[in-house]
Amino acid sequence: MYKSISYRYVSAERYSEALDLLHSGACLQLKHGEVTCGSELAVMFVDALVKGKIPCEEEILDRIRKIYKLFPQIPVASNLAVDDDVQQLTEAIGEAKARLQGCSSFLKAAIK
């Protein structure tokens, strides 16, 4: 829903509404650990900034910082004793990789 409605806003050049929607959606998804969806909305937020030719002001940077800080930190087990620990480590590494890729895509778009 976030994507669909934000596309409509951007197409209608209603950038303020699109930015508000994308920012709130990215934050909400990331707070709930939905990294893939949250990172997609975060990248769309940056794309809407570019399409709307929104100047880089402190308020915009604050919104970008807020999104970045909401990317979840994935704890990784420090000691491996049994096969269950290896399984947990494998899952944690997979989650960390997804977080890193999503966060990296968002930051690359924001810096560009």
PDB file of N, CA and C in Angstrom:
ATOM      1  N   MET A   1       0.821  -1.191   0.000  1.00  0.00           N
ATOM      2  CA  MET A   1       0.000   0.000   0.000  1.00  0.00           C
ATOM      3  C   MET A   1       0.867   1.257   0.000  1.00  0.00           C
ATOM      4  N   TYR A   2       1.922   1.242   0.810  1.00  0.00           N
ATOM      5  CA  TYR A   2       2.806   2.405   0.865  1.00  0.00           C
ATOM      6  C   TYR A   2       3.367   2.721  -0.519  1.00  0.00           C
ATOM      7  N   LYS A   3       3.844   1.689  -1.197  1.00  0.00           N
ATOM      8  CA  LYS A   3       4.437   1.891  -2.519  1.00  0.00           C
ATOM      9  C   LYS A   3       3.415   2.441  -3.501  1.00  0.00           C
ATOM     10  N   SER A   4       2.267   1.828  -3.552  1.00  0.00           N
ATOM     11  CA  SER A   4       1.226   2.218  -4.496  1.00  0.00           C
ATOM     12  C   SER A   4       0.801   3.670  -4.299  1.00  0.00           C
ATOM     13  N   ILE A   5       0.504   4.027  -3.071  1.00  0.00           N
ATOM     14  CA  ILE A   5       0.043   5.387  -2.798  1.00  0.00           C
ATOM     15  C   ILE A   5       1.157   6.404  -3.022  1.00  0.00           C
ATOM     16  N   SER A   6       2.383   6.055  -2.634  1.00  0.00           N
ATOM     17  CA  SER A   6       3.482   7.001  -2.823  1.00  0.00           C
ATOM     18  C   SER A   6       3.771   7.225  -4.313  1.00  0.00           C
ATOM     19  N   TYR A   7       3.654   6.179  -5.130  1.00  0.00           N
ATOM     20  CA  TYR A   7       3.816   6.351  -6.581  1.00  0.00           C
ATOM     21  C   TYR A   7       2.780   7.346  -7.115  1.00  0.00           C
ATOM     22  N   ARG A   8       1.570   7.228  -6.623  1.00  0.00           N
ATOM     23  CA  ARG A   8       0.522   8.155  -7.067  1.00  0.00           C
ATOM     24  C   ARG A   8       0.853   9.593  -6.657  1.00  0.00           C
ATOM     25  N   TYR A   9       1.319   9.757  -5.434  1.00  0.00           N
ATOM     26  CA  TYR A   9       1.697  11.099  -4.973  1.00  0.00           C
ATOM     27  C   TYR A   9       2.837  11.680  -5.817  1.00  0.00           C
ATOM     28  N   VAL A  10       3.853  10.873  -6.068  1.00  0.00           N
ATOM     29  CA  VAL A  10       4.993  11.351  -6.853  1.00  0.00           C
ATOM     30  C   VAL A  10       4.557  11.677  -8.276  1.00  0.00           C
ATOM     31  N   SER A  11       3.733  10.832  -8.858  1.00  0.00           N
ATOM     32  CA  SER A  11       3.236  11.082 -10.218  1.00  0.00           C
ATOM     33  C   SER A  11       2.442  12.377 -10.295  1.00  0.00           C
ATOM     34  N   ALA A  12       1.732  12.693  -9.228  1.00  0.00           N
ATOM     35  CA  ALA A  12       0.945  13.924  -9.173  1.00  0.00           C
ATOM     36  C   ALA A  12       1.782  15.104  -8.666  1.00  0.00           C
ATOM     37  N   GLU A  13       3.076  14.872  -8.466  1.00  0.00           N
ATOM     38  CA  GLU A  13       4.014  15.881  -7.967  1.00  0.00           C
ATOM     39  C   GLU A  13       3.611  16.411  -6.593  1.00  0.00           C
ATOM     40  N   ARG A  14       3.029  15.545  -5.799  1.00  0.00           N
ATOM     41  CA  ARG A  14       2.682  15.865  -4.416  1.00  0.00           C
ATOM     42  C   ARG A  14       3.780  15.268  -3.531  1.00  0.00           C
ATOM     43  N   TYR A  15       4.961  15.870  -3.639  1.00  0.00           N
ATOM     44  CA  TYR A  15       6.159  15.310  -3.015  1.00  0.00           C
ATOM     45  C   TYR A  15       6.101  15.335  -1.494  1.00  0.00           C
ATOM     46  N   SER A  16       5.528  16.360  -0.934  1.00  0.00           N
ATOM     47  CA  SER A  16       5.453  16.452   0.525  1.00  0.00           C
ATOM     48  C   SER A  16       4.674  15.270   1.103  1.00  0.00           C
ATOM     49  N   GLU A  17       3.533  14.963   0.496  1.00  0.00           N
ATOM     50  CA  GLU A  17       2.738  13.831   0.964  1.00  0.00           C
ATOM     51  C   GLU A  17       3.466  12.513   0.744  1.00  0.00           C
ATOM     52  N   ALA A  18       4.126  12.387  -0.401  1.00  0.00           N
ATOM     53  CA  ALA A  18       4.882  11.159  -0.689  1.00  0.00           C
ATOM     54  C   ALA A  18       6.002  10.976   0.328  1.00  0.00           C
ATOM     55  N   LEU A  19       6.715  12.054   0.624  1.00  0.00           N
ATOM     56  CA  LEU A  19       7.826  11.967   1.576  1.00  0.00           C
ATOM     57  C   LEU A  19       7.326  11.603   2.969  1.00  0.00           C
ATOM     58  N   ASP A  20       6.237  12.210   3.390  1.00  0.00           N
ATOM     59  CA  ASP A  20       5.686  11.888   4.707  1.00  0.00           C
ATOM     60  C   ASP A  20       5.287  10.420   4.781  1.00  0.00           C
ATOM     61  N   LEU A  21       4.614   9.948   3.752  1.00  0.00           N
ATOM     62  CA  LEU A  21       4.158   8.566   3.722  1.00  0.00           C
ATOM     63  C   LEU A  21       5.339   7.588   3.705  1.00  0.00           C
ATOM     64  N   LEU A  22       6.310   7.844   2.850  1.00  0.00           N
ATOM     65  CA  LEU A  22       7.453   6.947   2.733  1.00  0.00           C
ATOM     66  C   LEU A  22       8.299   6.945   4.003  1.00  0.00           C
ATOM     67  N   HIS A  23       8.474   8.116   4.596  1.00  0.00           N
ATOM     68  CA  HIS A  23       9.256   8.193   5.829  1.00  0.00           C
ATOM     69  C   HIS A  23       8.563   7.427   6.955  1.00  0.00           C
ATOM     70  N   SER A  24       7.273   7.672   7.129  1.00  0.00           N
ATOM     71  CA  SER A  24       6.564   6.978   8.212  1.00  0.00           C
ATOM     72  C   SER A  24       6.516   5.476   7.948  1.00  0.00           C
ATOM     73  N   GLY A  25       6.329   5.082   6.699  1.00  0.00           N
ATOM     74  CA  GLY A  25       6.299   3.661   6.358  1.00  0.00           C
ATOM     75  C   GLY A  25       7.626   2.976   6.592  1.00  0.00           C
ATOM     76  N   ALA A  26       8.709   3.624   6.169  1.00  0.00           N
ATOM     77  CA  ALA A  26      10.045   3.045   6.377  1.00  0.00           C
ATOM     78  C   ALA A  26      10.321   2.901   7.869  1.00  0.00           C
ATOM     79  N   CYS A  27      10.012   3.931   8.633  1.00  0.00           N
ATOM     80  CA  CYS A  27      10.253   3.878  10.082  1.00  0.00           C
ATOM     81  C   CYS A  27       9.432   2.784  10.737  1.00  0.00           C
ATOM     82  N   LEU A  28       8.177   2.688  10.382  1.00  0.00           N
ATOM     83  CA  LEU A  28       7.294   1.676  10.969  1.00  0.00           C
ATOM     84  C   LEU A  28       7.778   0.261  10.650  1.00  0.00           C
ATOM     85  N   GLN A  29       8.115   0.029   9.393  1.00  0.00           N
ATOM     86  CA  GLN A  29       8.570  -1.308   8.992  1.00  0.00           C
ATOM     87  C   GLN A  29       9.879  -1.671   9.689  1.00  0.00           C
ATOM     88  N   LEU A  30      10.808  -0.732   9.757  1.00  0.00           N
ATOM     89  CA  LEU A  30      12.091  -1.019  10.393  1.00  0.00           C
ATOM     90  C   LEU A  30      11.925  -1.249  11.896  1.00  0.00           C
ATOM     91  N   LYS A  31      11.034  -0.501  12.537  1.00  0.00           N
ATOM     92  CA  LYS A  31      10.787  -0.704  13.972  1.00  0.00           C
ATOM     93  C   LYS A  31      10.290  -2.121  14.244  1.00  0.00           C
ATOM     94  N   HIS A  32       9.566  -2.670  13.282  1.00  0.00           N
ATOM     95  CA  HIS A  32       9.015  -4.015  13.455  1.00  0.00           C
ATOM     96  C   HIS A  32       9.916  -5.099  12.845  1.00  0.00           C
ATOM     97  N   GLY A  33      11.141  -4.733  12.491  1.00  0.00           N
ATOM     98  CA  GLY A  33      12.101  -5.711  11.986  1.00  0.00           C
ATOM     99  C   GLY A  33      11.901  -6.135  10.551  1.00  0.00           C
ATOM    100  N   GLU A  34      11.050  -5.432   9.833  1.00  0.00           N
ATOM    101  CA  GLU A  34      10.803  -5.742   8.420  1.00  0.00           C
ATOM    102  C   GLU A  34      11.825  -4.972   7.572  1.00  0.00           C
ATOM    103  N   VAL A  35      13.048  -5.494   7.549  1.00  0.00           N
ATOM    104  CA  VAL A  35      14.174  -4.784   6.947  1.00  0.00           C
ATOM    105  C   VAL A  35      14.012  -4.634   5.439  1.00  0.00           C
ATOM    106  N   THR A  36      13.582  -5.672   4.757  1.00  0.00           N
ATOM    107  CA  THR A  36      13.464  -5.595   3.301  1.00  0.00           C
ATOM    108  C   THR A  36      12.462  -4.529   2.894  1.00  0.00           C
ATOM    109  N   CYS A  37      11.287  -4.575   3.465  1.00  0.00           N
ATOM    110  CA  CYS A  37      10.246  -3.597   3.145  1.00  0.00           C
ATOM    111  C   CYS A  37      10.681  -2.194   3.585  1.00  0.00           C
ATOM    112  N   GLY A  38      11.211  -2.095   4.802  1.00  0.00           N
ATOM    113  CA  GLY A  38      11.649  -0.797   5.313  1.00  0.00           C
ATOM    114  C   GLY A  38      12.739  -0.169   4.470  1.00  0.00           C
ATOM    115  N   SER A  39      13.678  -0.985   4.014  1.00  0.00           N
ATOM    116  CA  SER A  39      14.762  -0.435   3.192  1.00  0.00           C
ATOM    117  C   SER A  39      14.255  -0.023   1.806  1.00  0.00           C
ATOM    118  N   GLU A  40      13.300  -0.770   1.259  1.00  0.00           N
ATOM    119  CA  GLU A  40      12.715  -0.376  -0.029  1.00  0.00           C
ATOM    120  C   GLU A  40      12.009   0.971   0.095  1.00  0.00           C
ATOM    121  N   LEU A  41      11.250   1.152   1.153  1.00  0.00           N
ATOM    122  CA  LEU A  41      10.564   2.427   1.366  1.00  0.00           C
ATOM    123  C   LEU A  41      11.571   3.545   1.631  1.00  0.00           C
ATOM    124  N   ALA A  42      12.655   3.228   2.322  1.00  0.00           N
ATOM    125  CA  ALA A  42      13.690   4.233   2.586  1.00  0.00           C
ATOM    126  C   ALA A  42      14.348   4.693   1.289  1.00  0.00           C
ATOM    127  N   VAL A  43      14.635   3.769   0.405  1.00  0.00           N
ATOM    128  CA  VAL A  43      15.227   4.127  -0.888  1.00  0.00           C
ATOM    129  C   VAL A  43      14.217   4.935  -1.711  1.00  0.00           C
ATOM    130  N   MET A  44      12.958   4.554  -1.649  1.00  0.00           N
ATOM    131  CA  MET A  44      11.921   5.321  -2.355  1.00  0.00           C
ATOM    132  C   MET A  44      11.798   6.733  -1.782  1.00  0.00           C
ATOM    133  N   PHE A  45      12.010   6.880  -0.481  1.00  0.00           N
ATOM    134  CA  PHE A  45      12.022   8.194   0.152  1.00  0.00           C
ATOM    135  C   PHE A  45      13.098   9.071  -0.481  1.00  0.00           C
ATOM    136  N   VAL A  46      14.291   8.519  -0.628  1.00  0.00           N
ATOM    137  CA  VAL A  46      15.398   9.263  -1.239  1.00  0.00           C
ATOM    138  C   VAL A  46      15.091   9.566  -2.705  1.00  0.00           C
ATOM    139  N   ASP A  47      14.525   8.604  -3.422  1.00  0.00           N
ATOM    140  CA  ASP A  47      14.154   8.832  -4.825  1.00  0.00           C
ATOM    141  C   ASP A  47      13.143   9.972  -4.950  1.00  0.00           C
ATOM    142  N   ALA A  48      12.195  10.033  -4.017  1.00  0.00           N
ATOM    143  CA  ALA A  48      11.202  11.116  -4.047  1.00  0.00           C
ATOM    144  C   ALA A  48      11.865  12.462  -3.766  1.00  0.00           C
ATOM    145  N   LEU A  49      12.876  12.466  -2.912  1.00  0.00           N
ATOM    146  CA  LEU A  49      13.631  13.705  -2.667  1.00  0.00           C
ATOM    147  C   LEU A  49      14.275  14.199  -3.956  1.00  0.00           C
ATOM    148  N   VAL A  50      14.848  13.261  -4.692  1.00  0.00           N
ATOM    149  CA  VAL A  50      15.529  13.605  -5.946  1.00  0.00           C
ATOM    150  C   VAL A  50      14.519  14.079  -6.990  1.00  0.00           C
ATOM    151  N   LYS A  51      13.453  13.323  -7.178  1.00  0.00           N
ATOM    152  CA  LYS A  51      12.442  13.681  -8.177  1.00  0.00           C
ATOM    153  C   LYS A  51      11.798  15.025  -7.872  1.00  0.00           C
ATOM    154  N   GLY A  52      11.591  15.306  -6.590  1.00  0.00           N
ATOM    155  CA  GLY A  52      10.973  16.563  -6.193  1.00  0.00           C
ATOM    156  C   GLY A  52      11.956  17.714  -6.085  1.00  0.00           C
ATOM    157  N   LYS A  53      13.241  17.404  -6.326  1.00  0.00           N
ATOM    158  CA  LYS A  53      14.303  18.408  -6.219  1.00  0.00           C
ATOM    159  C   LYS A  53      14.227  19.143  -4.874  1.00  0.00           C
ATOM    160  N   ILE A  54      14.057  18.339  -3.826  1.00  0.00           N
ATOM    161  CA  ILE A  54      13.954  18.859  -2.472  1.00  0.00           C
ATOM    162  C   ILE A  54      15.356  19.239  -1.992  1.00  0.00           C
ATOM    163  N   PRO A  55      15.540  20.479  -1.528  1.00  0.00           N
ATOM    164  CA  PRO A  55      16.870  20.893  -1.067  1.00  0.00           C
ATOM    165  C   PRO A  55      17.307  20.123   0.181  1.00  0.00           C
ATOM    166  N   CYS A  56      18.589  19.909   0.283  1.00  0.00           N
ATOM    167  CA  CYS A  56      19.162  19.171   1.415  1.00  0.00           C
ATOM    168  C   CYS A  56      19.259  20.119   2.607  1.00  0.00           C
ATOM    169  N   GLU A  57      18.238  20.077   3.441  1.00  0.00           N
ATOM    170  CA  GLU A  57      18.189  20.922   4.626  1.00  0.00           C
ATOM    171  C   GLU A  57      18.287  20.051   5.870  1.00  0.00           C
ATOM    172  N   GLU A  58      18.463  20.692   7.004  1.00  0.00           N
ATOM    173  CA  GLU A  58      18.641  19.959   8.255  1.00  0.00           C
ATOM    174  C   GLU A  58      17.468  19.027   8.556  1.00  0.00           C
ATOM    175  N   GLU A  59      16.251  19.458   8.268  1.00  0.00           N
ATOM    176  CA  GLU A  59      15.074  18.625   8.525  1.00  0.00           C
ATOM    177  C   GLU A  59      15.114  17.335   7.694  1.00  0.00           C
ATOM    178  N   ILE A  60      15.545  17.454   6.457  1.00  0.00           N
ATOM    179  CA  ILE A  60      15.669  16.273   5.586  1.00  0.00           C
ATOM    180  C   ILE A  60      16.768  15.351   6.117  1.00  0.00           C
ATOM    181  N   LEU A  61      17.888  15.931   6.505  1.00  0.00           N
ATOM    182  CA  LEU A  61      18.974  15.116   7.064  1.00  0.00           C
ATOM    183  C   LEU A  61      18.531  14.421   8.344  1.00  0.00           C
ATOM    184  N   ASP A  62      17.727  15.099   9.157  1.00  0.00           N
ATOM    185  CA  ASP A  62      17.206  14.472  10.379  1.00  0.00           C
ATOM    186  C   ASP A  62      16.331  13.270  10.051  1.00  0.00           C
ATOM    187  N   ARG A  63      15.525  13.388   9.010  1.00  0.00           N
ATOM    188  CA  ARG A  63      14.659  12.270   8.610  1.00  0.00           C
ATOM    189  C   ARG A  63      15.503  11.093   8.113  1.00  0.00           C
ATOM    190  N   ILE A  64      16.550  11.394   7.358  1.00  0.00           N
ATOM    191  CA  ILE A  64      17.452  10.339   6.874  1.00  0.00           C
ATOM    192  C   ILE A  64      18.153   9.668   8.052  1.00  0.00           C
ATOM    193  N   ARG A  65      18.628  10.473   9.012  1.00  0.00           N
ATOM    194  CA  ARG A  65      19.273   9.910  10.199  1.00  0.00           C
ATOM    195  C   ARG A  65      18.312   9.014  10.974  1.00  0.00           C
ATOM    196  N   LYS A  66      17.069   9.455  11.106  1.00  0.00           N
ATOM    197  CA  LYS A  66      16.087   8.669  11.853  1.00  0.00           C
ATOM    198  C   LYS A  66      15.880   7.302  11.200  1.00  0.00           C
ATOM    199  N   ILE A  67      15.747   7.297   9.874  1.00  0.00           N
ATOM    200  CA  ILE A  67      15.582   6.018   9.167  1.00  0.00           C
ATOM    201  C   ILE A  67      16.805   5.139   9.406  1.00  0.00           C
ATOM    202  N   TYR A  68      17.988   5.716   9.243  1.00  0.00           N
ATOM    203  CA  TYR A  68      19.222   4.944   9.407  1.00  0.00           C
ATOM    204  C   TYR A  68      19.303   4.311  10.796  1.00  0.00           C
ATOM    205  N   LYS A  69      18.977   5.080  11.824  1.00  0.00           N
ATOM    206  CA  LYS A  69      19.081   4.574  13.190  1.00  0.00           C
ATOM    207  C   LYS A  69      18.082   3.462  13.487  1.00  0.00           C
ATOM    208  N   LEU A  70      17.034   3.356  12.686  1.00  0.00           N
ATOM    209  CA  LEU A  70      16.020   2.323  12.911  1.00  0.00           C
ATOM    210  C   LEU A  70      16.361   0.976  12.276  1.00  0.00           C
ATOM    211  N   PHE A  71      17.402   0.931  11.452  1.00  0.00           N
ATOM    212  CA  PHE A  71      17.807  -0.367  10.916  1.00  0.00           C
ATOM    213  C   PHE A  71      18.237  -1.226  12.109  1.00  0.00           C
ATOM    214  N   PRO A  72      17.647  -2.415  12.253  1.00  0.00           N
ATOM    215  CA  PRO A  72      17.902  -3.225  13.460  1.00  0.00           C
ATOM    216  C   PRO A  72      19.335  -3.733  13.537  1.00  0.00           C
ATOM    217  N   GLN A  73      19.816  -3.758  14.755  1.00  0.00           N
ATOM    218  CA  GLN A  73      21.121  -4.348  15.025  1.00  0.00           C
ATOM    219  C   GLN A  73      20.893  -5.831  15.279  1.00  0.00           C
ATOM    220  N   ILE A  74      21.674  -6.662  14.632  1.00  0.00           N
ATOM    221  CA  ILE A  74      21.513  -8.109  14.764  1.00  0.00           C
ATOM    222  C   ILE A  74      22.637  -8.648  15.647  1.00  0.00           C
ATOM    223  N   PRO A  75      22.301  -9.135  16.854  1.00  0.00           N
ATOM    224  CA  PRO A  75      23.351  -9.710  17.703  1.00  0.00           C
ATOM    225  C   PRO A  75      23.823 -11.055  17.152  1.00  0.00           C
ATOM    226  N   VAL A  76      25.102 -11.285  17.232  1.00  0.00           N
ATOM    227  CA  VAL A  76      25.679 -12.551  16.773  1.00  0.00           C
ATOM    228  C   VAL A  76      26.257 -13.269  17.989  1.00  0.00           C
ATOM    229  N   ALA A  77      25.984 -14.566  18.094  1.00  0.00           N
ATOM    230  CA  ALA A  77      26.476 -15.357  19.229  1.00  0.00           C
ATOM    231  C   ALA A  77      27.995 -15.301  19.292  1.00  0.00           C
ATOM    232  N   SER A  78      28.522 -15.192  20.502  1.00  0.00           N
ATOM    233  CA  SER A  78      29.969 -15.083  20.653  1.00  0.00           C
ATOM    234  C   SER A  78      30.656 -16.424  20.899  1.00  0.00           C
ATOM    235  N   ASN A  79      29.913 -17.412  21.378  1.00  0.00           N
ATOM    236  CA  ASN A  79      30.535 -18.718  21.618  1.00  0.00           C
ATOM    237  C   ASN A  79      29.714 -19.822  20.952  1.00  0.00           C
ATOM    238  N   LEU A  80      30.401 -20.777  20.408  1.00  0.00           N
ATOM    239  CA  LEU A  80      29.747 -21.903  19.731  1.00  0.00           C
ATOM    240  C   LEU A  80      30.083 -23.183  20.474  1.00  0.00           C
ATOM    241  N   ALA A  81      29.035 -23.813  21.032  1.00  0.00           N
ATOM    242  CA  ALA A  81      29.281 -25.038  21.789  1.00  0.00           C
ATOM    243  C   ALA A  81      28.616 -26.255  21.166  1.00  0.00           C
ATOM    244  N   VAL A  82      27.437 -26.088  20.616  1.00  0.00           N
ATOM    245  CA  VAL A  82      26.699 -27.218  20.062  1.00  0.00           C
ATOM    246  C   VAL A  82      26.160 -26.851  18.688  1.00  0.00           C
ATOM    247  N   ASP A  83      25.594 -27.834  18.016  1.00  0.00           N
ATOM    248  CA  ASP A  83      25.067 -27.613  16.668  1.00  0.00           C
ATOM    249  C   ASP A  83      23.978 -26.545  16.633  1.00  0.00           C
ATOM    250  N   ASP A  84      23.186 -26.433  17.706  1.00  0.00           N
ATOM    251  CA  ASP A  84      22.148 -25.393  17.755  1.00  0.00           C
ATOM    252  C   ASP A  84      22.757 -24.005  17.652  1.00  0.00           C
ATOM    253  N   ASP A  85      23.916 -23.815  18.289  1.00  0.00           N
ATOM    254  CA  ASP A  85      24.587 -22.520  18.224  1.00  0.00           C
ATOM    255  C   ASP A  85      25.023 -22.206  16.795  1.00  0.00           C
ATOM    256  N   VAL A  86      25.474 -23.206  16.068  1.00  0.00           N
ATOM    257  CA  VAL A  86      25.879 -23.012  14.679  1.00  0.00           C
ATOM    258  C   VAL A  86      24.667 -22.594  13.849  1.00  0.00           C
ATOM    259  N   GLN A  87      23.527 -23.241  14.092  1.00  0.00           N
ATOM    260  CA  GLN A  87      22.296 -22.888  13.384  1.00  0.00           C
ATOM    261  C   GLN A  87      21.895 -21.444  13.704  1.00  0.00           C
ATOM    262  N   GLN A  88      21.966 -21.062  14.968  1.00  0.00           N
ATOM    263  CA  GLN A  88      21.627 -19.703  15.367  1.00  0.00           C
ATOM    264  C   GLN A  88      22.578 -18.700  14.728  1.00  0.00           C
ATOM    265  N   LEU A  89      23.851 -19.044  14.672  1.00  0.00           N
ATOM    266  CA  LEU A  89      24.838 -18.162  14.059  1.00  0.00           C
ATOM    267  C   LEU A  89      24.559 -18.005  12.570  1.00  0.00           C
ATOM    268  N   THR A  90      24.225 -19.088  11.898  1.00  0.00           N
ATOM    269  CA  THR A  90      23.910 -19.041  10.474  1.00  0.00           C
ATOM    270  C   THR A  90      22.709 -18.141  10.214  1.00  0.00           C
ATOM    271  N   GLU A  91      21.674 -18.269  11.043  1.00  0.00           N
ATOM    272  CA  GLU A  91      20.487 -17.426  10.895  1.00  0.00           C
ATOM    273  C   GLU A  91      20.823 -15.960  11.168  1.00  0.00           C
ATOM    274  N   ALA A  92      21.630 -15.716  12.198  1.00  0.00           N
ATOM    275  CA  ALA A  92      22.018 -14.344  12.533  1.00  0.00           C
ATOM    276  C   ALA A  92      22.836 -13.716  11.412  1.00  0.00           C
ATOM    277  N   ILE A  93      23.695 -14.497  10.800  1.00  0.00           N
ATOM    278  CA  ILE A  93      24.496 -13.980   9.690  1.00  0.00           C
ATOM    279  C   ILE A  93      23.602 -13.640   8.501  1.00  0.00           C
ATOM    280  N   GLY A  94      22.622 -14.491   8.225  1.00  0.00           N
ATOM    281  CA  GLY A  94      21.664 -14.202   7.142  1.00  0.00           C
ATOM    282  C   GLY A  94      20.892 -12.926   7.395  1.00  0.00           C
ATOM    283  N   GLU A  95      20.423 -12.735   8.634  1.00  0.00           N
ATOM    284  CA  GLU A  95      19.697 -11.520   8.982  1.00  0.00           C
ATOM    285  C   GLU A  95      20.604 -10.292   8.895  1.00  0.00           C
ATOM    286  N   ALA A  96      21.840 -10.440   9.362  1.00  0.00           N
ATOM    287  CA  ALA A  96      22.790  -9.332   9.305  1.00  0.00           C
ATOM    288  C   ALA A  96      23.098  -8.951   7.856  1.00  0.00           C
ATOM    289  N   LYS A  97      23.189  -9.950   6.991  1.00  0.00           N
ATOM    290  CA  LYS A  97      23.462  -9.690   5.573  1.00  0.00           C
ATOM    291  C   LYS A  97      22.306  -8.912   4.938  1.00  0.00           C
ATOM    292  N   ALA A  98      21.068  -9.301   5.236  1.00  0.00           N
ATOM    293  CA  ALA A  98      19.898  -8.593   4.707  1.00  0.00           C
ATOM    294  C   ALA A  98      19.873  -7.159   5.213  1.00  0.00           C
ATOM    295  N   ARG A  99      20.177  -6.975   6.496  1.00  0.00           N
ATOM    296  CA  ARG A  99      20.211  -5.632   7.074  1.00  0.00           C
ATOM    297  C   ARG A  99      21.286  -4.788   6.400  1.00  0.00           C
ATOM    298  N   LEU A 100      22.444  -5.373   6.236  1.00  0.00           N
ATOM    299  CA  LEU A 100      23.560  -4.651   5.622  1.00  0.00           C
ATOM    300  C   LEU A 100      23.236  -4.247   4.185  1.00  0.00           C
ATOM    301  N   GLN A 101      22.668  -5.151   3.413  1.00  0.00           N
ATOM    302  CA  GLN A 101      22.337  -4.838   2.025  1.00  0.00           C
ATOM    303  C   GLN A 101      21.278  -3.740   1.942  1.00  0.00           C
ATOM    304  N   GLY A 102      20.246  -3.835   2.770  1.00  0.00           N
ATOM    305  CA  GLY A 102      19.193  -2.822   2.767  1.00  0.00           C
ATOM    306  C   GLY A 102      19.703  -1.472   3.223  1.00  0.00           C
ATOM    307  N   CYS A 103      20.460  -1.474   4.299  1.00  0.00           N
ATOM    308  CA  CYS A 103      21.006  -0.231   4.834  1.00  0.00           C
ATOM    309  C   CYS A 103      21.999   0.381   3.848  1.00  0.00           C
ATOM    310  N   SER A 104      22.805  -0.455   3.235  1.00  0.00           N
ATOM    311  CA  SER A 104      23.802   0.013   2.268  1.00  0.00           C
ATOM    312  C   SER A 104      23.122   0.652   1.057  1.00  0.00           C
ATOM    313  N   SER A 105      22.074   0.037   0.553  1.00  0.00           N
ATOM    314  CA  SER A 105      21.322   0.610  -0.587  1.00  0.00           C
ATOM    315  C   SER A 105      20.749   1.964  -0.233  1.00  0.00           C
ATOM    316  N   PHE A 106      20.183   2.068   0.970  1.00  0.00           N
ATOM    317  CA  PHE A 106      19.608   3.327   1.429  1.00  0.00           C
ATOM    318  C   PHE A 106      20.684   4.397   1.551  1.00  0.00           C
ATOM    319  N   LEU A 107      21.803   4.076   2.193  1.00  0.00           N
ATOM    320  CA  LEU A 107      22.859   5.064   2.392  1.00  0.00           C
ATOM    321  C   LEU A 107      23.503   5.499   1.077  1.00  0.00           C
ATOM    322  N   LYS A 108      23.701   4.560   0.166  1.00  0.00           N
ATOM    323  CA  LYS A 108      24.261   4.912  -1.137  1.00  0.00           C
ATOM    324  C   LYS A 108      23.355   5.901  -1.866  1.00  0.00           C
ATOM    325  N   ALA A 109      22.056   5.627  -1.842  1.00  0.00           N
ATOM    326  CA  ALA A 109      21.095   6.526  -2.498  1.00  0.00           C
ATOM    327  C   ALA A 109      21.083   7.881  -1.818  1.00  0.00           C
ATOM    328  N   ALA A 110      21.117   7.906  -0.497  1.00  0.00           N
ATOM    329  CA  ALA A 110      21.075   9.156   0.255  1.00  0.00           C
ATOM    330  C   ALA A 110      22.338   9.994   0.012  1.00  0.00           C
ATOM    331  N   ILE A 111      23.475   9.364  -0.025  1.00  0.00           N
ATOM    332  CA  ILE A 111      24.732  10.091  -0.246  1.00  0.00           C
ATOM    333  C   ILE A 111      24.801  10.636  -1.653  1.00  0.00           C
ATOM    334  N   LYS A 112      24.333   9.827  -2.605  1.00  0.00           N
ATOM    335  CA  LYS A 112      24.346  10.260  -4.006  1.00  0.00           C
ATOM    336  C   LYS A 112      23.467  11.492  -4.163  1.00  0.00           C
TER     337      LYS A 112
END
